[in-house]
Amino acid sequence: MHFSNFYFINGTAYAGKSTKVKLLAKKYNGIACEENYHNKLLPQLSKEDFPCLTYTRDLTDWHDFIRRTPEAYETWIDGVSKECETLELKILSDMTQEEKPIFVDTNISLETLKTIVDHNHVLIMLADPQISVRRFFERPDRDKQFLYQLIMEEPDPEQALENYRQGLMRINSQERYDRFLYSGFHVILRDENRSIEQTLALAEKALGLK
């Protein structure tokens, strides 16, 4: 299937993907599929078909979540991404008759994007791979603060925090960053000195909207 009226934004955390999807949809009277829009299907998923996505849904003791090894955390994240792609493609396939442009904050892999949409309908947004490690617990995000409190409840909070950070480092590695950077799609790098409006203009140009 070819998604002709869709615009996909992928990349790393803290790069501004969610903000741009919302702003573009508003400016072009489109539809915004924001971060984790696939979650609406989560309640009906089976553990057999979606073991990674249902892991947190069915988790009874969240301390188990923060106690995983960095390797287990990375494996889970990769599994979540693959399962999210399956759900996204299902949701988006049902939206192909929409006349409005659709802007998607996506988990769909680079390889799949190259086969389902025109090259200039994909934008990669990147932030320094270490930002997610350094700032993960700085945001007043309820979920992140919940995890931080769990870590502080561990017998050795400092060790537990370092263990979690090691997992973050694995999923924000330079290798993963370079995979996006050299994907062949248009790339916008995070720049603290650039305004939101300036970044929006760059995104519009990259996606052929202006």
N, C-alpha and C. Protein backbone atom coordinates (compact mmCIF):
# COMPACT_ATOMS: atom_id res chain seq x y z
N MET A 1 0.84 -1.19 0.00
CA MET A 1 0.00 0.00 0.00
C MET A 1 0.88 1.25 0.00
N HIS A 2 0.44 2.27 -0.74
CA HIS A 2 1.19 3.51 -0.82
C HIS A 2 0.41 4.60 -0.09
N PHE A 3 1.07 5.27 0.85
CA PHE A 3 0.42 6.30 1.67
C PHE A 3 0.72 7.67 1.07
N SER A 4 -0.06 8.05 0.08
CA SER A 4 0.26 9.25 -0.70
C SER A 4 -0.04 10.56 0.01
N ASN A 5 -1.01 10.58 0.91
CA ASN A 5 -1.42 11.81 1.56
C ASN A 5 -0.90 11.91 2.99
N PHE A 6 0.15 11.14 3.27
CA PHE A 6 0.70 11.05 4.62
C PHE A 6 2.09 11.66 4.67
N TYR A 7 2.41 12.23 5.83
CA TYR A 7 3.73 12.80 6.07
C TYR A 7 4.25 12.21 7.39
N PHE A 8 5.38 11.53 7.32
CA PHE A 8 5.90 10.82 8.48
C PHE A 8 7.11 11.52 9.07
N ILE A 9 7.14 11.62 10.39
CA ILE A 9 8.30 12.16 11.09
C ILE A 9 8.82 11.09 12.05
N ASN A 10 10.07 10.71 11.86
CA ASN A 10 10.72 9.73 12.71
C ASN A 10 11.99 10.36 13.25
N GLY A 11 12.70 9.65 14.11
CA GLY A 11 13.95 10.17 14.65
C GLY A 11 14.12 9.84 16.11
N THR A 12 14.89 10.67 16.81
CA THR A 12 15.23 10.40 18.20
C THR A 12 14.38 11.23 19.15
N ALA A 13 14.45 10.87 20.42
CA ALA A 13 13.73 11.61 21.45
C ALA A 13 14.30 13.01 21.60
N TYR A 14 13.47 13.93 22.08
CA TYR A 14 13.86 15.31 22.37
C TYR A 14 14.22 16.10 21.11
N ALA A 15 13.80 15.63 19.95
CA ALA A 15 14.11 16.34 18.71
C ALA A 15 12.97 17.24 18.26
N GLY A 16 11.79 17.09 18.85
CA GLY A 16 10.66 17.95 18.51
C GLY A 16 9.65 17.32 17.56
N LYS A 17 9.66 16.01 17.43
CA LYS A 17 8.76 15.33 16.48
C LYS A 17 7.29 15.59 16.80
N SER A 18 6.91 15.39 18.04
CA SER A 18 5.50 15.55 18.42
C SER A 18 5.01 16.97 18.19
N THR A 19 5.85 17.94 18.54
CA THR A 19 5.48 19.34 18.36
C THR A 19 5.25 19.66 16.89
N LYS A 20 6.13 19.16 16.03
CA LYS A 20 6.01 19.47 14.60
C LYS A 20 4.78 18.81 14.00
N VAL A 21 4.47 17.62 14.41
CA VAL A 21 3.28 16.94 13.89
C VAL A 21 2.03 17.76 14.23
N LYS A 22 1.94 18.24 15.46
CA LYS A 22 0.78 19.02 15.86
C LYS A 22 0.71 20.36 15.12
N LEU A 23 1.85 21.02 14.99
CA LEU A 23 1.87 22.32 14.31
C LEU A 23 1.55 22.20 12.83
N LEU A 24 2.09 21.17 12.20
CA LEU A 24 1.83 20.98 10.77
C LEU A 24 0.35 20.65 10.52
N ALA A 25 -0.20 19.79 11.35
CA ALA A 25 -1.61 19.43 11.18
C ALA A 25 -2.51 20.65 11.37
N LYS A 26 -2.15 21.49 12.32
CA LYS A 26 -2.95 22.70 12.56
C LYS A 26 -2.83 23.66 11.39
N LYS A 27 -1.63 23.86 10.90
CA LYS A 27 -1.42 24.85 9.83
C LYS A 27 -2.04 24.41 8.52
N TYR A 28 -2.02 23.11 8.24
CA TYR A 28 -2.51 22.62 6.95
C TYR A 28 -3.86 21.93 7.06
N ASN A 29 -4.58 22.22 8.16
CA ASN A 29 -5.91 21.66 8.36
C ASN A 29 -5.90 20.14 8.16
N GLY A 30 -4.90 19.54 8.76
CA GLY A 30 -4.73 18.10 8.60
C GLY A 30 -5.08 17.33 9.86
N ILE A 31 -4.67 16.09 9.87
CA ILE A 31 -4.91 15.19 11.00
C ILE A 31 -3.57 14.85 11.63
N ALA A 32 -3.49 14.96 12.95
CA ALA A 32 -2.25 14.65 13.66
C ALA A 32 -2.35 13.28 14.32
N CYS A 33 -1.47 12.38 13.92
CA CYS A 33 -1.31 11.11 14.62
C CYS A 33 -0.10 11.31 15.53
N GLU A 34 -0.39 11.67 16.77
CA GLU A 34 0.67 12.07 17.68
C GLU A 34 1.35 10.88 18.32
N GLU A 35 2.36 11.18 19.12
CA GLU A 35 3.16 10.14 19.75
C GLU A 35 2.28 9.08 20.43
N ASN A 36 2.56 7.82 20.13
CA ASN A 36 1.86 6.68 20.73
C ASN A 36 0.36 6.65 20.40
N TYR A 37 0.01 7.15 19.23
CA TYR A 37 -1.40 7.14 18.85
C TYR A 37 -1.96 5.72 18.73
N HIS A 38 -1.07 4.76 18.58
CA HIS A 38 -1.49 3.36 18.49
C HIS A 38 -2.00 2.81 19.82
N ASN A 39 -1.79 3.57 20.92
CA ASN A 39 -2.19 3.07 22.25
C ASN A 39 -3.69 2.80 22.35
N LYS A 40 -4.47 3.39 21.44
CA LYS A 40 -5.91 3.16 21.51
C LYS A 40 -6.26 1.70 21.26
N LEU A 41 -5.35 0.96 20.64
CA LEU A 41 -5.58 -0.46 20.39
C LEU A 41 -5.04 -1.36 21.50
N LEU A 42 -4.32 -0.76 22.45
CA LEU A 42 -3.64 -1.55 23.47
C LEU A 42 -4.56 -2.46 24.29
N PRO A 43 -5.73 -2.01 24.73
CA PRO A 43 -6.57 -2.87 25.57
C PRO A 43 -6.96 -4.19 24.92
N GLN A 44 -7.05 -4.23 23.61
CA GLN A 44 -7.53 -5.44 22.94
C GLN A 44 -6.41 -6.35 22.45
N LEU A 45 -5.17 -6.00 22.68
CA LEU A 45 -4.06 -6.81 22.18
C LEU A 45 -3.88 -8.08 22.99
N SER A 46 -3.45 -9.14 22.32
CA SER A 46 -3.18 -10.40 23.00
C SER A 46 -1.71 -10.47 23.38
N LYS A 47 -1.42 -11.10 24.50
CA LYS A 47 -0.04 -11.24 24.96
C LYS A 47 0.77 -12.11 24.01
N GLU A 48 0.11 -13.04 23.35
CA GLU A 48 0.80 -13.94 22.43
C GLU A 48 1.30 -13.20 21.19
N ASP A 49 0.49 -12.32 20.65
CA ASP A 49 0.84 -11.61 19.43
C ASP A 49 1.66 -10.33 19.68
N PHE A 50 1.45 -9.73 20.85
CA PHE A 50 2.13 -8.46 21.16
C PHE A 50 2.75 -8.53 22.57
N PRO A 51 3.72 -9.39 22.75
CA PRO A 51 4.30 -9.58 24.10
C PRO A 51 4.99 -8.35 24.66
N CYS A 52 5.56 -7.51 23.80
CA CYS A 52 6.30 -6.34 24.29
C CYS A 52 5.35 -5.21 24.68
N LEU A 53 4.35 -4.93 23.85
CA LEU A 53 3.40 -3.88 24.16
C LEU A 53 2.53 -4.23 25.37
N THR A 54 2.21 -5.50 25.52
CA THR A 54 1.35 -5.89 26.65
C THR A 54 2.14 -6.10 27.93
N TYR A 55 3.46 -6.06 27.84
CA TYR A 55 4.29 -6.24 29.04
C TYR A 55 3.95 -5.18 30.09
N THR A 56 3.95 -3.93 29.70
CA THR A 56 3.63 -2.88 30.67
C THR A 56 2.13 -2.83 30.98
N ARG A 57 1.31 -3.19 30.02
CA ARG A 57 -0.13 -3.20 30.27
C ARG A 57 -0.49 -4.15 31.39
N ASP A 58 0.17 -5.29 31.42
CA ASP A 58 -0.17 -6.35 32.37
C ASP A 58 0.78 -6.43 33.56
N LEU A 59 1.70 -5.48 33.66
CA LEU A 59 2.70 -5.53 34.72
C LEU A 59 2.05 -5.29 36.09
N THR A 60 2.38 -6.13 37.06
CA THR A 60 1.80 -5.99 38.40
C THR A 60 2.75 -5.30 39.37
N ASP A 61 4.05 -5.47 39.19
CA ASP A 61 5.03 -4.81 40.04
C ASP A 61 5.99 -4.03 39.16
N TRP A 62 5.86 -2.71 39.14
CA TRP A 62 6.67 -1.88 38.27
C TRP A 62 8.13 -1.83 38.67
N HIS A 63 8.46 -2.32 39.85
CA HIS A 63 9.87 -2.43 40.22
C HIS A 63 10.59 -3.40 39.27
N ASP A 64 9.85 -4.38 38.78
CA ASP A 64 10.45 -5.32 37.83
C ASP A 64 10.87 -4.61 36.55
N PHE A 65 10.15 -3.56 36.19
CA PHE A 65 10.45 -2.81 34.98
C PHE A 65 11.81 -2.12 35.09
N ILE A 66 12.05 -1.47 36.21
CA ILE A 66 13.30 -0.72 36.35
C ILE A 66 14.48 -1.60 36.76
N ARG A 67 14.22 -2.84 37.13
CA ARG A 67 15.30 -3.75 37.53
C ARG A 67 15.88 -4.54 36.36
N ARG A 68 15.29 -4.44 35.19
CA ARG A 68 15.79 -5.21 34.05
C ARG A 68 17.21 -4.80 33.68
N THR A 69 17.93 -5.72 33.09
CA THR A 69 19.28 -5.39 32.64
C THR A 69 19.21 -4.45 31.44
N PRO A 70 20.27 -3.69 31.18
CA PRO A 70 20.28 -2.83 29.99
C PRO A 70 20.02 -3.61 28.71
N GLU A 71 20.54 -4.83 28.64
CA GLU A 71 20.33 -5.67 27.46
C GLU A 71 18.86 -6.03 27.30
N ALA A 72 18.22 -6.38 28.40
CA ALA A 72 16.80 -6.73 28.35
C ALA A 72 15.95 -5.52 27.98
N TYR A 73 16.33 -4.36 28.49
CA TYR A 73 15.62 -3.12 28.17
C TYR A 73 15.72 -2.81 26.68
N GLU A 74 16.91 -2.94 26.12
CA GLU A 74 17.10 -2.67 24.70
C GLU A 74 16.30 -3.64 23.84
N THR A 75 16.31 -4.91 24.21
CA THR A 75 15.55 -5.92 23.47
C THR A 75 14.06 -5.61 23.50
N TRP A 76 13.59 -5.19 24.67
CA TRP A 76 12.17 -4.84 24.81
C TRP A 76 11.81 -3.63 23.95
N ILE A 77 12.65 -2.60 23.97
CA ILE A 77 12.40 -1.40 23.17
C ILE A 77 12.32 -1.74 21.69
N ASP A 78 13.24 -2.57 21.22
CA ASP A 78 13.22 -2.97 19.81
C ASP A 78 11.96 -3.76 19.48
N GLY A 79 11.55 -4.60 20.41
CA GLY A 79 10.33 -5.37 20.21
C GLY A 79 9.10 -4.48 20.17
N VAL A 80 9.06 -3.48 21.05
CA VAL A 80 7.95 -2.53 21.07
C VAL A 80 7.85 -1.81 19.72
N SER A 81 9.00 -1.39 19.20
CA SER A 81 9.00 -0.66 17.92
C SER A 81 8.41 -1.51 16.80
N LYS A 82 8.78 -2.78 16.76
CA LYS A 82 8.26 -3.66 15.71
C LYS A 82 6.76 -3.88 15.86
N GLU A 83 6.31 -4.04 17.09
CA GLU A 83 4.89 -4.25 17.31
C GLU A 83 4.09 -2.97 17.03
N CYS A 84 4.69 -1.82 17.37
CA CYS A 84 4.04 -0.54 17.07
C CYS A 84 3.87 -0.36 15.57
N GLU A 85 4.88 -0.77 14.82
CA GLU A 85 4.78 -0.64 13.36
C GLU A 85 3.58 -1.42 12.83
N THR A 86 3.37 -2.61 13.34
CA THR A 86 2.23 -3.42 12.91
C THR A 86 0.92 -2.69 13.18
N LEU A 87 0.80 -2.11 14.38
CA LEU A 87 -0.43 -1.41 14.73
C LEU A 87 -0.59 -0.12 13.93
N GLU A 88 0.50 0.61 13.74
CA GLU A 88 0.42 1.85 12.97
C GLU A 88 -0.05 1.59 11.54
N LEU A 89 0.51 0.59 10.92
CA LEU A 89 0.13 0.29 9.54
C LEU A 89 -1.34 -0.08 9.46
N LYS A 90 -1.83 -0.76 10.48
CA LYS A 90 -3.26 -1.12 10.52
C LYS A 90 -4.12 0.14 10.65
N ILE A 91 -3.77 1.03 11.57
CA ILE A 91 -4.54 2.25 11.78
C ILE A 91 -4.49 3.15 10.55
N LEU A 92 -3.30 3.34 10.02
CA LEU A 92 -3.14 4.25 8.88
C LEU A 92 -3.80 3.71 7.62
N SER A 93 -3.81 2.40 7.46
CA SER A 93 -4.47 1.80 6.30
C SER A 93 -5.97 2.12 6.30
N ASP A 94 -6.53 2.24 7.48
CA ASP A 94 -7.96 2.57 7.59
C ASP A 94 -8.22 4.06 7.36
N MET A 95 -7.15 4.85 7.23
CA MET A 95 -7.30 6.30 7.06
C MET A 95 -6.97 6.77 5.64
N THR A 96 -6.71 5.85 4.75
CA THR A 96 -6.25 6.24 3.41
C THR A 96 -7.31 6.97 2.59
N GLN A 97 -8.58 6.88 3.00
CA GLN A 97 -9.62 7.58 2.25
C GLN A 97 -9.81 9.02 2.72
N GLU A 98 -9.07 9.41 3.76
CA GLU A 98 -9.16 10.78 4.26
C GLU A 98 -8.65 11.75 3.20
N GLU A 99 -9.34 12.85 3.04
CA GLU A 99 -8.90 13.85 2.07
C GLU A 99 -7.89 14.82 2.67
N LYS A 100 -7.92 14.98 3.97
CA LYS A 100 -6.97 15.87 4.64
C LYS A 100 -5.59 15.23 4.70
N PRO A 101 -4.53 16.05 4.71
CA PRO A 101 -3.19 15.50 4.91
C PRO A 101 -3.05 14.94 6.32
N ILE A 102 -2.30 13.89 6.46
CA ILE A 102 -2.14 13.22 7.74
C ILE A 102 -0.67 13.26 8.13
N PHE A 103 -0.40 13.80 9.32
CA PHE A 103 0.96 13.95 9.81
C PHE A 103 1.18 12.97 10.96
N VAL A 104 2.23 12.16 10.84
CA VAL A 104 2.40 11.01 11.73
C VAL A 104 3.73 11.06 12.47
N ASP A 105 3.66 11.05 13.80
CA ASP A 105 4.84 10.83 14.64
C ASP A 105 4.98 9.31 14.73
N THR A 106 5.95 8.77 14.01
CA THR A 106 5.91 7.34 13.71
C THR A 106 7.02 6.50 14.33
N ASN A 107 6.69 5.22 14.55
CA ASN A 107 7.65 4.19 14.92
C ASN A 107 7.99 3.30 13.72
N ILE A 108 7.37 3.56 12.59
CA ILE A 108 7.59 2.72 11.42
C ILE A 108 9.05 2.80 10.99
N SER A 109 9.65 1.67 10.74
CA SER A 109 11.09 1.60 10.47
C SER A 109 11.46 2.31 9.18
N LEU A 110 12.72 2.71 9.11
CA LEU A 110 13.24 3.35 7.90
C LEU A 110 13.06 2.46 6.69
N GLU A 111 13.30 1.17 6.87
CA GLU A 111 13.20 0.23 5.76
C GLU A 111 11.78 0.17 5.22
N THR A 112 10.80 0.15 6.12
CA THR A 112 9.41 0.09 5.68
C THR A 112 8.97 1.41 5.05
N LEU A 113 9.38 2.53 5.64
CA LEU A 113 9.01 3.83 5.10
C LEU A 113 9.46 3.98 3.65
N LYS A 114 10.60 3.42 3.33
CA LYS A 114 11.12 3.54 1.97
C LYS A 114 10.24 2.82 0.95
N THR A 115 9.38 1.93 1.42
CA THR A 115 8.54 1.14 0.51
C THR A 115 7.09 1.61 0.46
N ILE A 116 6.67 2.46 1.40
CA ILE A 116 5.24 2.79 1.49
C ILE A 116 4.91 4.25 1.20
N VAL A 117 5.93 5.10 1.10
CA VAL A 117 5.64 6.53 0.96
C VAL A 117 6.74 7.19 0.12
N ASP A 118 6.38 8.28 -0.53
CA ASP A 118 7.37 9.02 -1.31
C ASP A 118 8.49 9.53 -0.41
N HIS A 119 9.67 9.61 -0.99
CA HIS A 119 10.86 10.00 -0.24
C HIS A 119 10.69 11.35 0.46
N ASN A 120 10.08 12.31 -0.22
CA ASN A 120 9.95 13.65 0.36
C ASN A 120 8.75 13.79 1.30
N HIS A 121 8.14 12.67 1.67
CA HIS A 121 7.07 12.68 2.66
C HIS A 121 7.56 12.12 4.00
N VAL A 122 8.88 12.01 4.13
CA VAL A 122 9.48 11.51 5.38
C VAL A 122 10.50 12.53 5.86
N LEU A 123 10.43 12.84 7.14
CA LEU A 123 11.39 13.75 7.76
C LEU A 123 11.98 13.07 8.99
N ILE A 124 13.29 13.15 9.13
CA ILE A 124 13.98 12.63 10.30
C ILE A 124 14.41 13.81 11.17
N MET A 125 14.04 13.76 12.45
CA MET A 125 14.44 14.81 13.38
C MET A 125 15.32 14.19 14.46
N LEU A 126 16.48 14.81 14.68
CA LEU A 126 17.48 14.22 15.57
C LEU A 126 17.94 15.20 16.64
N ALA A 127 18.12 14.67 17.83
CA ALA A 127 18.76 15.40 18.92
C ALA A 127 20.01 14.63 19.32
N ASP A 128 20.93 15.32 19.98
CA ASP A 128 22.13 14.65 20.49
C ASP A 128 21.71 13.37 21.22
N PRO A 129 22.30 12.22 20.88
CA PRO A 129 21.87 10.96 21.49
C PRO A 129 22.01 10.91 23.00
N GLN A 130 22.82 11.80 23.57
CA GLN A 130 22.99 11.79 25.02
C GLN A 130 21.95 12.64 25.76
N ILE A 131 21.17 13.43 25.01
CA ILE A 131 20.16 14.26 25.67
C ILE A 131 19.15 13.40 26.41
N SER A 132 18.73 12.31 25.79
CA SER A 132 17.73 11.44 26.42
C SER A 132 18.26 10.82 27.70
N VAL A 133 19.56 10.59 27.74
CA VAL A 133 20.16 10.02 28.94
C VAL A 133 20.26 11.08 30.04
N ARG A 134 20.72 12.26 29.68
CA ARG A 134 20.94 13.31 30.67
C ARG A 134 19.63 13.90 31.18
N ARG A 135 18.63 14.03 30.29
CA ARG A 135 17.42 14.77 30.66
C ARG A 135 16.20 13.89 30.91
N PHE A 136 16.38 12.60 30.89
CA PHE A 136 15.23 11.70 30.95
C PHE A 136 14.34 11.99 32.16
N PHE A 137 14.95 12.22 33.32
CA PHE A 137 14.16 12.43 34.53
C PHE A 137 13.96 13.90 34.87
N GLU A 138 14.38 14.79 33.96
CA GLU A 138 14.23 16.22 34.22
C GLU A 138 12.86 16.75 33.83
N ARG A 139 12.24 16.11 32.86
CA ARG A 139 10.92 16.58 32.43
C ARG A 139 9.87 16.31 33.50
N PRO A 140 8.91 17.24 33.67
CA PRO A 140 7.82 17.02 34.64
C PRO A 140 6.78 16.06 34.07
N ASP A 141 7.27 14.99 33.51
CA ASP A 141 6.43 13.97 32.89
C ASP A 141 6.01 12.97 33.98
N ARG A 142 4.72 12.75 34.10
CA ARG A 142 4.22 11.89 35.18
C ARG A 142 4.81 10.49 35.14
N ASP A 143 4.91 9.90 33.96
CA ASP A 143 5.44 8.54 33.84
C ASP A 143 6.92 8.48 34.22
N LYS A 144 7.68 9.47 33.75
CA LYS A 144 9.12 9.48 34.07
C LYS A 144 9.35 9.70 35.56
N GLN A 145 8.56 10.56 36.16
CA GLN A 145 8.71 10.81 37.60
C GLN A 145 8.29 9.60 38.41
N PHE A 146 7.32 8.86 37.91
CA PHE A 146 6.91 7.61 38.55
C PHE A 146 8.07 6.61 38.55
N LEU A 147 8.75 6.49 37.41
CA LEU A 147 9.89 5.58 37.32
C LEU A 147 11.02 6.02 38.25
N TYR A 148 11.24 7.33 38.30
CA TYR A 148 12.29 7.85 39.16
C TYR A 148 12.02 7.52 40.63
N GLN A 149 10.78 7.64 41.04
CA GLN A 149 10.42 7.30 42.42
C GLN A 149 10.64 5.83 42.70
N LEU A 150 10.34 4.98 41.73
CA LEU A 150 10.59 3.55 41.89
C LEU A 150 12.08 3.28 42.10
N ILE A 151 12.89 3.96 41.29
CA ILE A 151 14.35 3.79 41.39
C ILE A 151 14.83 4.23 42.78
N MET A 152 14.29 5.35 43.27
CA MET A 152 14.69 5.84 44.58
C MET A 152 14.26 4.92 45.71
N GLU A 153 13.30 4.05 45.46
CA GLU A 153 12.83 3.10 46.48
C GLU A 153 13.69 1.84 46.54
N GLU A 154 14.58 1.66 45.56
CA GLU A 154 15.42 0.47 45.53
C GLU A 154 16.43 0.47 46.68
N PRO A 155 16.89 -0.71 47.11
CA PRO A 155 17.86 -0.78 48.21
C PRO A 155 19.12 0.05 47.95
N ASP A 156 19.55 0.09 46.68
CA ASP A 156 20.70 0.91 46.29
C ASP A 156 20.27 1.81 45.14
N PRO A 157 19.67 2.96 45.45
CA PRO A 157 19.14 3.86 44.41
C PRO A 157 20.19 4.29 43.39
N GLU A 158 21.39 4.55 43.83
CA GLU A 158 22.43 5.00 42.92
C GLU A 158 22.75 3.92 41.88
N GLN A 159 22.85 2.68 42.34
CA GLN A 159 23.11 1.58 41.41
C GLN A 159 21.92 1.36 40.49
N ALA A 160 20.71 1.46 41.04
CA ALA A 160 19.51 1.27 40.23
C ALA A 160 19.40 2.36 39.16
N LEU A 161 19.75 3.59 39.51
CA LEU A 161 19.70 4.69 38.55
C LEU A 161 20.73 4.48 37.45
N GLU A 162 21.92 4.04 37.81
CA GLU A 162 22.95 3.79 36.81
C GLU A 162 22.55 2.65 35.89
N ASN A 163 21.92 1.63 36.44
CA ASN A 163 21.45 0.50 35.63
C ASN A 163 20.44 0.98 34.59
N TYR A 164 19.52 1.84 35.02
CA TYR A 164 18.51 2.34 34.09
C TYR A 164 19.15 3.24 33.04
N ARG A 165 20.10 4.04 33.44
CA ARG A 165 20.78 4.92 32.49
C ARG A 165 21.56 4.12 31.46
N GLN A 166 22.11 3.01 31.87
CA GLN A 166 22.83 2.16 30.91
C GLN A 166 21.88 1.65 29.83
N GLY A 167 20.65 1.35 30.22
CA GLY A 167 19.65 0.95 29.23
C GLY A 167 19.33 2.08 28.29
N LEU A 168 19.19 3.29 28.84
CA LEU A 168 18.93 4.47 28.00
C LEU A 168 20.08 4.71 27.03
N MET A 169 21.29 4.49 27.48
CA MET A 169 22.46 4.68 26.62
C MET A 169 22.45 3.70 25.45
N ARG A 170 21.98 2.49 25.71
CA ARG A 170 21.94 1.49 24.63
C ARG A 170 20.94 1.87 23.55
N ILE A 171 19.79 2.41 23.93
CA ILE A 171 18.78 2.74 22.92
C ILE A 171 19.00 4.14 22.33
N ASN A 172 19.97 4.87 22.88
CA ASN A 172 20.34 6.17 22.32
C ASN A 172 21.80 6.17 21.89
N SER A 173 22.22 5.07 21.33
CA SER A 173 23.62 4.92 20.94
C SER A 173 23.93 5.73 19.69
N GLN A 174 25.22 5.97 19.48
CA GLN A 174 25.65 6.67 18.28
C GLN A 174 25.30 5.87 17.04
N GLU A 175 25.36 4.57 17.14
CA GLU A 175 25.03 3.71 16.00
C GLU A 175 23.58 3.90 15.55
N ARG A 176 22.67 3.97 16.51
CA ARG A 176 21.27 4.18 16.17
C ARG A 176 21.06 5.59 15.59
N TYR A 177 21.74 6.55 16.17
CA TYR A 177 21.68 7.92 15.67
C TYR A 177 22.15 7.98 14.22
N ASP A 178 23.28 7.35 13.94
CA ASP A 178 23.84 7.38 12.58
C ASP A 178 22.94 6.68 11.57
N ARG A 179 22.20 5.69 12.04
CA ARG A 179 21.28 4.99 11.16
C ARG A 179 20.22 5.96 10.63
N PHE A 180 19.75 6.83 11.49
CA PHE A 180 18.80 7.87 11.07
C PHE A 180 19.50 8.92 10.21
N LEU A 181 20.65 9.37 10.68
CA LEU A 181 21.35 10.47 10.03
C LEU A 181 21.68 10.15 8.57
N TYR A 182 22.06 8.91 8.32
CA TYR A 182 22.48 8.52 6.97
C TYR A 182 21.43 7.66 6.26
N SER A 183 20.16 7.87 6.63
CA SER A 183 19.07 7.08 6.06
C SER A 183 18.77 7.46 4.62
N GLY A 184 19.17 8.67 4.23
CA GLY A 184 18.82 9.16 2.90
C GLY A 184 17.62 10.07 2.89
N PHE A 185 16.89 10.11 4.01
CA PHE A 185 15.75 11.02 4.13
C PHE A 185 16.24 12.40 4.58
N HIS A 186 15.38 13.40 4.42
CA HIS A 186 15.70 14.73 4.91
C HIS A 186 15.86 14.69 6.43
N VAL A 187 16.85 15.42 6.93
CA VAL A 187 17.16 15.42 8.36
C VAL A 187 17.19 16.85 8.90
N ILE A 188 16.59 17.04 10.08
CA ILE A 188 16.71 18.29 10.81
C ILE A 188 17.34 17.98 12.16
N LEU A 189 18.44 18.65 12.47
CA LEU A 189 19.13 18.46 13.74
C LEU A 189 18.62 19.47 14.76
N ARG A 190 18.46 19.03 16.00
CA ARG A 190 18.02 19.94 17.06
C ARG A 190 19.03 21.07 17.22
N ASP A 191 18.51 22.28 17.32
CA ASP A 191 19.35 23.46 17.49
C ASP A 191 18.67 24.37 18.51
N GLU A 192 19.27 24.50 19.69
CA GLU A 192 18.68 25.29 20.76
C GLU A 192 18.54 26.77 20.38
N ASN A 193 19.32 27.23 19.41
CA ASN A 193 19.28 28.63 19.01
C ASN A 193 18.25 28.92 17.92
N ARG A 194 17.56 27.88 17.46
CA ARG A 194 16.58 28.06 16.40
C ARG A 194 15.18 28.07 17.03
N SER A 195 14.33 28.96 16.57
CA SER A 195 12.99 29.05 17.13
C SER A 195 12.11 27.92 16.60
N ILE A 196 10.98 27.72 17.27
CA ILE A 196 10.02 26.71 16.81
C ILE A 196 9.52 27.05 15.42
N GLU A 197 9.30 28.34 15.17
CA GLU A 197 8.81 28.77 13.86
C GLU A 197 9.84 28.49 12.77
N GLN A 198 11.11 28.71 13.08
CA GLN A 198 12.17 28.44 12.10
C GLN A 198 12.28 26.94 11.81
N THR A 199 12.17 26.13 12.84
CA THR A 199 12.22 24.68 12.64
C THR A 199 11.01 24.21 11.85
N LEU A 200 9.85 24.81 12.12
CA LEU A 200 8.64 24.46 11.37
C LEU A 200 8.84 24.77 9.89
N ALA A 201 9.43 25.90 9.59
CA ALA A 201 9.67 26.28 8.20
C ALA A 201 10.61 25.27 7.52
N LEU A 202 11.62 24.81 8.24
CA LEU A 202 12.52 23.79 7.70
C LEU A 202 11.78 22.49 7.43
N ALA A 203 10.90 22.12 8.35
CA ALA A 203 10.12 20.89 8.19
C ALA A 203 9.20 20.99 6.98
N GLU A 204 8.57 22.14 6.81
CA GLU A 204 7.69 22.35 5.66
C GLU A 204 8.45 22.20 4.34
N LYS A 205 9.61 22.80 4.30
CA LYS A 205 10.43 22.74 3.08
C LYS A 205 10.87 21.30 2.80
N ALA A 206 11.30 20.59 3.84
CA ALA A 206 11.77 19.21 3.67
C ALA A 206 10.65 18.30 3.18
N LEU A 207 9.43 18.57 3.63
CA LEU A 207 8.29 17.73 3.25
C LEU A 207 7.58 18.22 2.00
N GLY A 208 8.12 19.26 1.36
CA GLY A 208 7.54 19.75 0.11
C GLY A 208 6.22 20.47 0.30
N LEU A 209 6.01 21.05 1.48
CA LEU A 209 4.76 21.75 1.76
C LEU A 209 4.83 23.22 1.40
N LYS A 210 6.02 23.73 1.13
CA LYS A 210 6.17 25.14 0.76
C LYS A 210 7.39 25.30 -0.14
